[in-house]
Amino acid sequence: MNPIINYNELWRILHQRRRAGGQDWDKRAHSFFKAVSGNDEAEKVIPSLNLTDSDTVLDMGAGTGRFAVPMAKYAAHVTALEPSSGMASYLEKSMEEEGLSNYTLVRKRWEDVKIGQDIPVHDVVFASNSLGFPDLADGLKKLDAAARKAVHILWFAGPQRHPMDPELKKRLGREEERDFGPDYIFIAQVLHDMGIYANVEVHPTRTVHRYENLDEAVAWWEERGDISPEEKPILREFLSEKLNCTVDGHPVMQRNGWRARIWWEKENRAE
């Protein structure tokens, strides 16, 4: 199929902009784990995967195990693909705390994995916010090749995964800046161009981010909002006003957004 709009090329361009500064996932592992702790997203998502106790599951970009750990309670075996040692350490610790041993940890990037050599084909392939490769079509083809039964992808819907609060944008003088990121529609369009007619569900989300202290909250949003040193005091003042505190004194912030689930069974494709 020859698409009028090349969503794969648009993805590549936006990927280059997002990754210009690089990502240190080992450094971010602790704050990431803390922020998603207590998040009930996995409890809402995993039943929709229809896993059986005989299924094998590949979690591509498993991170700290937010989904891999509970999936291991439903499936026969989970392969967690996670290149970051910092992220993987939290995953292993959580598996141990839950008394789970039916998993394999593979410390490789998805781009470097060879299906059938580094990992076998799995019944179900799952990827949550982990499509961090520049060539979306190639990455999706590999996900499809790794699945025997179905592929499930979670991604954000809307202009940004972590949109900046309108009030903060105003304080920073960024009212005219347009938020734009490659949301789920890019994935659905590239799959369509590949002849894979995926199912799509979009749901509102409400998450609570938990931080150790104000400094940790500032660091979290400083990185995700591309905050300059000159803007950091403004961010700090804003967060000091907006963060709520739990009973144990930890600051928290509620965030509302939209989540898309994209999935297909292996027969949902053009011949």
Foldseek 3Di string as FASTA:
>chain_A
DDDPDDLQQVLLVQLCVVQVVHDDLLVCQVQVCQFCVPPCVLVVPVVVVVEAQAFEEEEAQCFLPPNVQVVLVGYVAYEYEHQHPNRVVNNVVSCVVVVHDRYHYHNDHLVPDDEPPSHDQTQEYEYEQRCSDSRNLVSVVVSLVSHDWKYKYKWFDDLDPDDDDCVLCVVVVNNVDDRHDDTPVSVCVSCVVVFARKDKDKDKDKGKTWDAALVSVLVVVCVVVVPDPVCSVSSSVVCVVAWDADPVGITMHMDMGMMMMIMGTSVRGDD
